[in-house]
Amino acid sequence: MKAFEFLDEIGTVNTHTMVLDKGLGYAYVEDALKITGEYFDLLKYGWGTSILYDTEIIKAKNELYHSYDIKTYTGGTLFELANKQNKLGEYFEELDNLGFDAVEVSDGSTVIDPDIRENAIKQAKENGFYTLSEIGKKNPEKDHAYTTEQRIELINKDISNGSDMVIIEGRESGKNIGIYDEKGNVKTDEMTQIHENTPNEKVLWEAPQKNQQVELILKLGNNVNLGNINSNEIISLETLRRGLRGDTLGKIQK
């Protein structure tokens, strides 16, 4: 039973929220999930952090996340490293051994041939992983080279190749990348174009900053898929989604 159940509030349905784990201990995760576990469904071990952990710690944490129906995966950096070393087969096998049930296919830091990207997505699906792919570059200058039309084309192509979810790059900073300007403000025209020309339920917007979360929720609806959420801001985001915070109170339609 939740507190204050007599108050009317806006619930969320079929929403995907991706949270960053940047090195959380088992005990912290176990305790935090008692409060936050029902409010997100995707957990990313940031960047290449998981390569620094003991295998038993990863397995234990994955089991814990899975007990709350949260899918886990490593950041795309490890995928790119494995691809660069021609070890994708071993990479997928290790993911399975460690208990990961999702995988991210990306080329944010490297250049991957479109055919290799397509095959990697299909290979991930064949190996039984929930498959996410990411659009965008980590380097702002290279990311700016994409037109909005190109991003839309890449999103739809990844989906047609089998991606369960396509992530719009926003990095941890949320500045000067993707749909964000150098101050972290949303480029509304680009966001709207992407929203209107892609399957919204399969697009996840990385939105690490509160102002970005607020604008995406108000413009695209409280069920918009959001990612790169800090582990200590899960409840904060959920209150924004439900109109339980001044930024969205009374501004979200049921």
C-alpha atoms as a PDB file:
ATOM      1  CA  MET A   1       0.000   0.000   0.000  1.00  0.00           C
ATOM      2  CA  LYS A   2       1.375   3.383  -1.032  1.00  0.00           C
ATOM      3  CA  ALA A   3       1.173   6.504   1.134  1.00  0.00           C
ATOM      4  CA  PHE A   4      -1.430   9.185   0.327  1.00  0.00           C
ATOM      5  CA  GLU A   5      -3.405   6.862  -1.952  1.00  0.00           C
ATOM      6  CA  PHE A   6      -6.478   9.084  -1.515  1.00  0.00           C
ATOM      7  CA  LEU A   7      -4.802  11.780  -3.642  1.00  0.00           C
ATOM      8  CA  ASP A   8      -5.341  11.583  -7.386  1.00  0.00           C
ATOM      9  CA  GLU A   9      -2.154  11.367  -9.412  1.00  0.00           C
ATOM     10  CA  ILE A  10      -1.073  10.518 -12.926  1.00  0.00           C
ATOM     11  CA  GLY A  11       0.373   7.054 -13.406  1.00  0.00           C
ATOM     12  CA  THR A  12       2.758   5.882 -16.121  1.00  0.00           C
ATOM     13  CA  VAL A  13       2.150   3.050 -18.544  1.00  0.00           C
ATOM     14  CA  ASN A  14       4.633   1.155 -20.727  1.00  0.00           C
ATOM     15  CA  THR A  15       7.430   3.592 -19.972  1.00  0.00           C
ATOM     16  CA  HIS A  16      11.101   2.713 -20.321  1.00  0.00           C
ATOM     17  CA  THR A  17      13.562   4.362 -17.955  1.00  0.00           C
ATOM     18  CA  MET A  18      17.265   3.583 -18.181  1.00  0.00           C
ATOM     19  CA  VAL A  19      19.420   4.190 -15.114  1.00  0.00           C
ATOM     20  CA  LEU A  20      23.219   4.426 -14.911  1.00  0.00           C
ATOM     21  CA  ASP A  21      25.158   2.247 -12.496  1.00  0.00           C
ATOM     22  CA  LYS A  22      28.586   3.850 -12.252  1.00  0.00           C
ATOM     23  CA  GLY A  23      29.966   1.555  -9.576  1.00  0.00           C
ATOM     24  CA  LEU A  24      27.235   0.940  -7.013  1.00  0.00           C
ATOM     25  CA  GLY A  25      27.866  -1.603  -4.274  1.00  0.00           C
ATOM     26  CA  TYR A  26      25.618  -4.625  -3.791  1.00  0.00           C
ATOM     27  CA  ALA A  27      24.285  -3.495  -0.411  1.00  0.00           C
ATOM     28  CA  TYR A  28      23.442  -0.040  -1.770  1.00  0.00           C
ATOM     29  CA  VAL A  29      21.581  -1.518  -4.738  1.00  0.00           C
ATOM     30  CA  GLU A  30      19.714  -3.978  -2.533  1.00  0.00           C
ATOM     31  CA  ASP A  31      18.520  -1.206  -0.245  1.00  0.00           C
ATOM     32  CA  ALA A  32      17.740   1.317  -3.013  1.00  0.00           C
ATOM     33  CA  LEU A  33      15.684  -1.129  -5.073  1.00  0.00           C
ATOM     34  CA  LYS A  34      13.191  -1.473  -2.234  1.00  0.00           C
ATOM     35  CA  ILE A  35      12.172   2.119  -3.010  1.00  0.00           C
ATOM     36  CA  THR A  36      13.080   2.578  -6.674  1.00  0.00           C
ATOM     37  CA  GLY A  37      12.881  -0.909  -8.201  1.00  0.00           C
ATOM     38  CA  GLU A  38       9.412  -0.461  -9.699  1.00  0.00           C
ATOM     39  CA  TYR A  39      10.253   2.841 -11.401  1.00  0.00           C
ATOM     40  CA  PHE A  40      12.848   1.783 -13.980  1.00  0.00           C
ATOM     41  CA  ASP A  41      13.340  -1.233 -16.213  1.00  0.00           C
ATOM     42  CA  LEU A  42      16.755  -0.822 -17.846  1.00  0.00           C
ATOM     43  CA  LEU A  43      20.095  -0.664 -16.038  1.00  0.00           C
ATOM     44  CA  LYS A  44      23.348   0.210 -17.764  1.00  0.00           C
ATOM     45  CA  TYR A  45      26.720  -0.476 -16.191  1.00  0.00           C
ATOM     46  CA  GLY A  46      28.229   2.769 -17.448  1.00  0.00           C
ATOM     47  CA  TRP A  47      30.891   2.789 -20.153  1.00  0.00           C
ATOM     48  CA  GLY A  48      33.474   0.054 -19.531  1.00  0.00           C
ATOM     49  CA  THR A  49      33.086   0.001 -15.735  1.00  0.00           C
ATOM     50  CA  SER A  50      32.007  -3.634 -15.534  1.00  0.00           C
ATOM     51  CA  ILE A  51      35.419  -4.815 -16.770  1.00  0.00           C
ATOM     52  CA  LEU A  52      36.815  -3.634 -13.420  1.00  0.00           C
ATOM     53  CA  TYR A  53      34.493  -5.806 -11.284  1.00  0.00           C
ATOM     54  CA  ASP A  54      34.925  -9.332 -10.018  1.00  0.00           C
ATOM     55  CA  THR A  55      32.672 -11.683 -11.979  1.00  0.00           C
ATOM     56  CA  GLU A  56      30.804 -12.879  -8.884  1.00  0.00           C
ATOM     57  CA  ILE A  57      29.882  -9.310  -7.966  1.00  0.00           C
ATOM     58  CA  ILE A  58      28.426  -8.722 -11.425  1.00  0.00           C
ATOM     59  CA  LYS A  59      26.468 -11.968 -11.333  1.00  0.00           C
ATOM     60  CA  ALA A  60      25.054 -11.154  -7.894  1.00  0.00           C
ATOM     61  CA  LYS A  61      24.070  -7.626  -8.879  1.00  0.00           C
ATOM     62  CA  ASN A  62      22.470  -8.815 -12.110  1.00  0.00           C
ATOM     63  CA  GLU A  63      20.391 -11.360 -10.210  1.00  0.00           C
ATOM     64  CA  LEU A  64      19.300  -8.612  -7.834  1.00  0.00           C
ATOM     65  CA  TYR A  65      18.267  -6.257 -10.646  1.00  0.00           C
ATOM     66  CA  HIS A  66      16.495  -9.091 -12.471  1.00  0.00           C
ATOM     67  CA  SER A  67      14.470  -9.888  -9.351  1.00  0.00           C
ATOM     68  CA  TYR A  68      12.798  -6.504  -9.963  1.00  0.00           C
ATOM     69  CA  ASP A  69      12.307  -7.235 -13.699  1.00  0.00           C
ATOM     70  CA  ILE A  70      15.083  -4.821 -14.642  1.00  0.00           C
ATOM     71  CA  LYS A  71      17.145  -5.707 -17.709  1.00  0.00           C
ATOM     72  CA  THR A  72      20.895  -5.145 -17.398  1.00  0.00           C
ATOM     73  CA  TYR A  73      23.601  -4.413 -19.944  1.00  0.00           C
ATOM     74  CA  THR A  74      27.065  -2.934 -20.253  1.00  0.00           C
ATOM     75  CA  GLY A  75      27.777   0.400 -21.852  1.00  0.00           C
ATOM     76  CA  GLY A  76      28.449   0.438 -25.584  1.00  0.00           C
ATOM     77  CA  THR A  77      32.147   1.070 -25.008  1.00  0.00           C
ATOM     78  CA  LEU A  78      32.776  -2.616 -24.293  1.00  0.00           C
ATOM     79  CA  PHE A  79      30.840  -3.604 -27.411  1.00  0.00           C
ATOM     80  CA  GLU A  80      33.007  -1.271 -29.494  1.00  0.00           C
ATOM     81  CA  LEU A  81      36.171  -2.650 -27.909  1.00  0.00           C
ATOM     82  CA  ALA A  82      35.094  -6.240 -28.598  1.00  0.00           C
ATOM     83  CA  ASN A  83      34.171  -5.375 -32.172  1.00  0.00           C
ATOM     84  CA  LYS A  84      37.504  -3.621 -32.719  1.00  0.00           C
ATOM     85  CA  GLN A  85      39.321  -6.754 -31.541  1.00  0.00           C
ATOM     86  CA  ASN A  86      37.070  -9.071 -33.611  1.00  0.00           C
ATOM     87  CA  LYS A  87      35.797 -10.780 -30.450  1.00  0.00           C
ATOM     88  CA  LEU A  88      32.047 -10.232 -30.616  1.00  0.00           C
ATOM     89  CA  GLY A  89      31.354 -13.963 -30.270  1.00  0.00           C
ATOM     90  CA  GLU A  90      33.356 -14.100 -27.050  1.00  0.00           C
ATOM     91  CA  TYR A  91      31.749 -10.852 -25.903  1.00  0.00           C
ATOM     92  CA  PHE A  92      28.203 -12.197 -26.261  1.00  0.00           C
ATOM     93  CA  GLU A  93      29.236 -15.413 -24.501  1.00  0.00           C
ATOM     94  CA  GLU A  94      30.706 -13.468 -21.579  1.00  0.00           C
ATOM     95  CA  LEU A  95      27.557 -11.322 -21.287  1.00  0.00           C
ATOM     96  CA  ASP A  96      25.539 -14.501 -20.997  1.00  0.00           C
ATOM     97  CA  ASN A  97      27.931 -16.026 -18.454  1.00  0.00           C
ATOM     98  CA  LEU A  98      27.701 -12.907 -16.279  1.00  0.00           C
ATOM     99  CA  GLY A  99      23.909 -12.851 -16.385  1.00  0.00           C
ATOM    100  CA  PHE A 100      23.341  -9.820 -18.590  1.00  0.00           C
ATOM    101  CA  ASP A 101      20.091 -10.090 -20.539  1.00  0.00           C
ATOM    102  CA  ALA A 102      20.499  -7.045 -22.791  1.00  0.00           C
ATOM    103  CA  VAL A 103      23.207  -5.597 -25.014  1.00  0.00           C
ATOM    104  CA  GLU A 104      23.981  -2.206 -26.530  1.00  0.00           C
ATOM    105  CA  VAL A 105      25.259  -1.906 -30.092  1.00  0.00           C
ATOM    106  CA  SER A 106      26.928   1.451 -30.704  1.00  0.00           C
ATOM    107  CA  ASP A 107      29.666   3.272 -32.570  1.00  0.00           C
ATOM    108  CA  GLY A 108      29.945   6.407 -30.457  1.00  0.00           C
ATOM    109  CA  SER A 109      33.724   6.243 -30.126  1.00  0.00           C
ATOM    110  CA  THR A 110      34.698   4.182 -33.171  1.00  0.00           C
ATOM    111  CA  VAL A 111      33.652   3.778 -36.793  1.00  0.00           C
ATOM    112  CA  ILE A 112      31.667   0.643 -37.613  1.00  0.00           C
ATOM    113  CA  ASP A 113      30.646  -0.356 -41.113  1.00  0.00           C
ATOM    114  CA  PRO A 114      26.836  -0.315 -41.531  1.00  0.00           C
ATOM    115  CA  ASP A 115      26.827  -3.988 -42.529  1.00  0.00           C
ATOM    116  CA  ILE A 116      28.772  -4.941 -39.391  1.00  0.00           C
ATOM    117  CA  ARG A 117      26.340  -2.896 -37.288  1.00  0.00           C
ATOM    118  CA  GLU A 118      23.370  -4.651 -38.894  1.00  0.00           C
ATOM    119  CA  ASN A 119      24.929  -8.073 -38.370  1.00  0.00           C
ATOM    120  CA  ALA A 120      25.788  -7.243 -34.747  1.00  0.00           C
ATOM    121  CA  ILE A 121      22.165  -6.311 -34.022  1.00  0.00           C
ATOM    122  CA  LYS A 122      20.949  -9.527 -35.617  1.00  0.00           C
ATOM    123  CA  GLN A 123      23.605 -11.574 -33.829  1.00  0.00           C
ATOM    124  CA  ALA A 124      22.603 -10.074 -30.486  1.00  0.00           C
ATOM    125  CA  LYS A 125      18.965 -10.979 -31.148  1.00  0.00           C
ATOM    126  CA  GLU A 126      19.926 -14.507 -32.206  1.00  0.00           C
ATOM    127  CA  ASN A 127      21.776 -14.880 -28.907  1.00  0.00           C
ATOM    128  CA  GLY A 128      18.576 -14.018 -27.055  1.00  0.00           C
ATOM    129  CA  PHE A 129      19.487 -10.532 -25.832  1.00  0.00           C
ATOM    130  CA  TYR A 130      17.126  -7.576 -25.542  1.00  0.00           C
ATOM    131  CA  THR A 131      18.931  -5.357 -28.027  1.00  0.00           C
ATOM    132  CA  LEU A 132      19.482  -1.632 -27.803  1.00  0.00           C
ATOM    133  CA  SER A 133      21.390   0.387 -30.363  1.00  0.00           C
ATOM    134  CA  GLU A 134      22.615   3.944 -30.038  1.00  0.00           C
ATOM    135  CA  ILE A 135      22.664   6.812 -32.532  1.00  0.00           C
ATOM    136  CA  GLY A 136      25.279   9.539 -32.150  1.00  0.00           C
ATOM    137  CA  LYS A 137      28.948  10.192 -31.467  1.00  0.00           C
ATOM    138  CA  LYS A 138      30.719  10.946 -28.187  1.00  0.00           C
ATOM    139  CA  ASN A 139      32.778  13.664 -29.878  1.00  0.00           C
ATOM    140  CA  PRO A 140      30.564  16.768 -30.328  1.00  0.00           C
ATOM    141  CA  GLU A 141      32.218  17.804 -33.591  1.00  0.00           C
ATOM    142  CA  LYS A 142      31.601  14.385 -35.132  1.00  0.00           C
ATOM    143  CA  ASP A 143      28.093  14.229 -33.674  1.00  0.00           C
ATOM    144  CA  HIS A 144      27.211  17.618 -35.198  1.00  0.00           C
ATOM    145  CA  ALA A 145      28.022  16.185 -38.625  1.00  0.00           C
ATOM    146  CA  TYR A 146      24.756  14.208 -38.462  1.00  0.00           C
ATOM    147  CA  THR A 147      21.703  15.921 -39.894  1.00  0.00           C
ATOM    148  CA  THR A 148      18.362  15.318 -38.221  1.00  0.00           C
ATOM    149  CA  GLU A 149      17.266  13.458 -41.354  1.00  0.00           C
ATOM    150  CA  GLN A 150      20.274  11.145 -41.061  1.00  0.00           C
ATOM    151  CA  ARG A 151      19.478  10.414 -37.411  1.00  0.00           C
ATOM    152  CA  ILE A 152      15.900   9.553 -38.350  1.00  0.00           C
ATOM    153  CA  GLU A 153      17.099   7.264 -41.142  1.00  0.00           C
ATOM    154  CA  LEU A 154      19.538   5.489 -38.803  1.00  0.00           C
ATOM    155  CA  ILE A 155      16.919   5.047 -36.083  1.00  0.00           C
ATOM    156  CA  ASN A 156      14.418   3.488 -38.457  1.00  0.00           C
ATOM    157  CA  LYS A 157      17.081   1.295 -40.050  1.00  0.00           C
ATOM    158  CA  ASP A 158      18.201  -0.088 -36.675  1.00  0.00           C
ATOM    159  CA  ILE A 159      14.589  -0.840 -35.765  1.00  0.00           C
ATOM    160  CA  SER A 160      14.009  -2.615 -39.065  1.00  0.00           C
ATOM    161  CA  ASN A 161      17.170  -4.659 -38.396  1.00  0.00           C
ATOM    162  CA  GLY A 162      15.803  -5.818 -35.049  1.00  0.00           C
ATOM    163  CA  SER A 163      16.705  -3.274 -32.359  1.00  0.00           C
ATOM    164  CA  ASP A 164      14.198  -3.395 -29.508  1.00  0.00           C
ATOM    165  CA  MET A 165      15.099   0.150 -28.509  1.00  0.00           C
ATOM    166  CA  VAL A 166      17.167   2.906 -30.142  1.00  0.00           C
ATOM    167  CA  ILE A 167      18.972   5.345 -27.860  1.00  0.00           C
ATOM    168  CA  ILE A 168      19.543   8.979 -28.831  1.00  0.00           C
ATOM    169  CA  GLU A 169      23.023   9.883 -27.605  1.00  0.00           C
ATOM    170  CA  GLY A 170      23.105  12.492 -24.859  1.00  0.00           C
ATOM    171  CA  ARG A 171      26.147  11.416 -22.869  1.00  0.00           C
ATOM    172  CA  GLU A 172      26.320  11.843 -19.098  1.00  0.00           C
ATOM    173  CA  SER A 173      26.670  15.620 -19.419  1.00  0.00           C
ATOM    174  CA  GLY A 174      23.698  16.241 -21.724  1.00  0.00           C
ATOM    175  CA  LYS A 175      25.506  19.162 -23.343  1.00  0.00           C
ATOM    176  CA  ASN A 176      26.469  19.962 -26.945  1.00  0.00           C
ATOM    177  CA  ILE A 177      25.430  16.542 -28.212  1.00  0.00           C
ATOM    178  CA  GLY A 178      22.427  15.041 -29.981  1.00  0.00           C
ATOM    179  CA  ILE A 179      19.335  17.202 -29.466  1.00  0.00           C
ATOM    180  CA  TYR A 180      21.049  19.373 -26.821  1.00  0.00           C
ATOM    181  CA  ASP A 181      22.906  22.636 -27.338  1.00  0.00           C
ATOM    182  CA  GLU A 182      26.102  23.654 -25.536  1.00  0.00           C
ATOM    183  CA  LYS A 183      24.103  24.762 -22.473  1.00  0.00           C
ATOM    184  CA  GLY A 184      22.070  21.559 -22.301  1.00  0.00           C
ATOM    185  CA  ASN A 185      18.868  23.075 -23.665  1.00  0.00           C
ATOM    186  CA  VAL A 186      16.677  20.942 -25.914  1.00  0.00           C
ATOM    187  CA  LYS A 187      16.736  21.764 -29.630  1.00  0.00           C
ATOM    188  CA  THR A 188      12.963  21.596 -29.954  1.00  0.00           C
ATOM    189  CA  ASP A 189      12.784  21.479 -33.752  1.00  0.00           C
ATOM    190  CA  GLU A 190      15.174  18.516 -33.983  1.00  0.00           C
ATOM    191  CA  MET A 191      13.417  16.702 -31.150  1.00  0.00           C
ATOM    192  CA  THR A 192      10.025  17.200 -32.811  1.00  0.00           C
ATOM    193  CA  GLN A 193      11.282  15.998 -36.194  1.00  0.00           C
ATOM    194  CA  ILE A 194      12.639  12.792 -34.707  1.00  0.00           C
ATOM    195  CA  HIS A 195       9.515  12.256 -32.623  1.00  0.00           C
ATOM    196  CA  GLU A 196       7.207  12.665 -35.625  1.00  0.00           C
ATOM    197  CA  ASN A 197       9.172  10.362 -37.939  1.00  0.00           C
ATOM    198  CA  THR A 198      10.087   7.378 -35.737  1.00  0.00           C
ATOM    199  CA  PRO A 199       8.194   4.777 -33.653  1.00  0.00           C
ATOM    200  CA  ASN A 200       8.073   6.663 -30.343  1.00  0.00           C
ATOM    201  CA  GLU A 201       7.743   3.536 -28.202  1.00  0.00           C
ATOM    202  CA  LYS A 202      11.117   2.327 -29.516  1.00  0.00           C
ATOM    203  CA  VAL A 203      13.082   5.559 -29.052  1.00  0.00           C
ATOM    204  CA  LEU A 204      14.867   6.306 -25.767  1.00  0.00           C
ATOM    205  CA  TRP A 205      16.209   9.804 -25.179  1.00  0.00           C
ATOM    206  CA  GLU A 206      19.255  10.153 -22.964  1.00  0.00           C
ATOM    207  CA  ALA A 207      18.315  13.024 -20.653  1.00  0.00           C
ATOM    208  CA  PRO A 208      20.633  13.344 -17.659  1.00  0.00           C
ATOM    209  CA  GLN A 209      19.581  16.885 -16.740  1.00  0.00           C
ATOM    210  CA  LYS A 210      16.346  17.816 -14.964  1.00  0.00           C
ATOM    211  CA  ASN A 211      15.438  20.602 -17.428  1.00  0.00           C
ATOM    212  CA  GLN A 212      15.739  18.080 -20.283  1.00  0.00           C
ATOM    213  CA  GLN A 213      13.518  15.571 -18.500  1.00  0.00           C
ATOM    214  CA  VAL A 214      10.903  18.254 -17.838  1.00  0.00           C
ATOM    215  CA  GLU A 215      10.805  19.477 -21.429  1.00  0.00           C
ATOM    216  CA  LEU A 216      10.681  15.995 -22.948  1.00  0.00           C
ATOM    217  CA  ILE A 217       7.858  15.015 -20.588  1.00  0.00           C
ATOM    218  CA  LEU A 218       5.846  18.182 -21.272  1.00  0.00           C
ATOM    219  CA  LYS A 219       6.404  18.070 -25.048  1.00  0.00           C
ATOM    220  CA  LEU A 220       6.266  14.314 -25.716  1.00  0.00           C
ATOM    221  CA  GLY A 221       4.146  13.052 -22.813  1.00  0.00           C
ATOM    222  CA  ASN A 222       4.847  11.524 -19.429  1.00  0.00           C
ATOM    223  CA  ASN A 223       5.405   8.108 -21.005  1.00  0.00           C
ATOM    224  CA  VAL A 224       8.430   9.261 -23.024  1.00  0.00           C
ATOM    225  CA  ASN A 225      11.358   6.831 -22.717  1.00  0.00           C
ATOM    226  CA  LEU A 226      14.277   8.448 -20.889  1.00  0.00           C
ATOM    227  CA  GLY A 227      17.821   7.296 -20.143  1.00  0.00           C
ATOM    228  CA  ASN A 228      21.130   8.098 -18.460  1.00  0.00           C
ATOM    229  CA  ILE A 229      19.260   8.803 -15.254  1.00  0.00           C
ATOM    230  CA  ASN A 230      21.474   8.990 -12.176  1.00  0.00           C
ATOM    231  CA  SER A 231      20.700   6.308  -9.624  1.00  0.00           C
ATOM    232  CA  ASN A 232      19.888   8.921  -6.988  1.00  0.00           C
ATOM    233  CA  GLU A 233      17.366  10.702  -9.231  1.00  0.00           C
ATOM    234  CA  ILE A 234      15.002   7.831 -10.051  1.00  0.00           C
ATOM    235  CA  ILE A 235      12.286   8.961  -7.652  1.00  0.00           C
ATOM    236  CA  SER A 236      12.757  12.575  -8.722  1.00  0.00           C
ATOM    237  CA  LEU A 237      12.115  11.618 -12.356  1.00  0.00           C
ATOM    238  CA  GLU A 238       9.066   9.559 -11.426  1.00  0.00           C
ATOM    239  CA  THR A 239       7.521  12.533  -9.633  1.00  0.00           C
ATOM    240  CA  LEU A 240       8.035  14.603 -12.788  1.00  0.00           C
ATOM    241  CA  ARG A 241       6.326  11.914 -14.866  1.00  0.00           C
ATOM    242  CA  ARG A 242       3.351  11.796 -12.512  1.00  0.00           C
ATOM    243  CA  GLY A 243       2.866  15.528 -12.092  1.00  0.00           C
ATOM    244  CA  LEU A 244       4.002  15.407  -8.466  1.00  0.00           C
ATOM    245  CA  ARG A 245       6.550  18.200  -8.772  1.00  0.00           C
ATOM    246  CA  GLY A 246       6.080  21.891  -9.445  1.00  0.00           C
ATOM    247  CA  ASP A 247       7.644  21.659 -12.929  1.00  0.00           C
ATOM    248  CA  THR A 248       4.879  19.318 -14.177  1.00  0.00           C
ATOM    249  CA  LEU A 249       2.075  19.702 -11.603  1.00  0.00           C
ATOM    250  CA  GLY A 250      -1.172  20.395 -13.425  1.00  0.00           C
ATOM    251  CA  LYS A 251       0.582  20.407 -16.809  1.00  0.00           C
ATOM    252  CA  ILE A 252       0.223  16.744 -17.765  1.00  0.00           C
ATOM    253  CA  GLN A 253      -2.982  15.443 -19.279  1.00  0.00           C
ATOM    254  CA  LYS A 254      -4.288  12.005 -18.252  1.00  0.00           C
END
